[in-house]
Amino acid sequence: MSEHRKSFRIKISHESIGDCLGQTRNLSTTGVYVKHPQLSALPRGAVVYGQVQDLPTGAPRVRMEVVLVDADGIGLRYL
């Protein structure tokens, strides 16, 4: 399976929703889609922090901007 098609659990943090655990979809070098209905409350342009979960060495917190919002989740661009 190619790397961009794997799905990871990711923690998204924003002051308006706190921490939310979603699933990645369509991971690319410029951004990622995160599936979780609660995330659709975030407006386009909001800046969030994301951290992939369950990696053996841990993962950095990445700053991202919401560029797409739909009923299932949000599309994020890496900043």
Foldseek 3Di string as FASTA:
>chain_A
DDPQADKFWKWKADPVPGTDTFIWGRDDPFWIWTFDQVQLVDDFQGKIWMWTPDDPVGGDIFIWTFHAHDRGGTITTTD
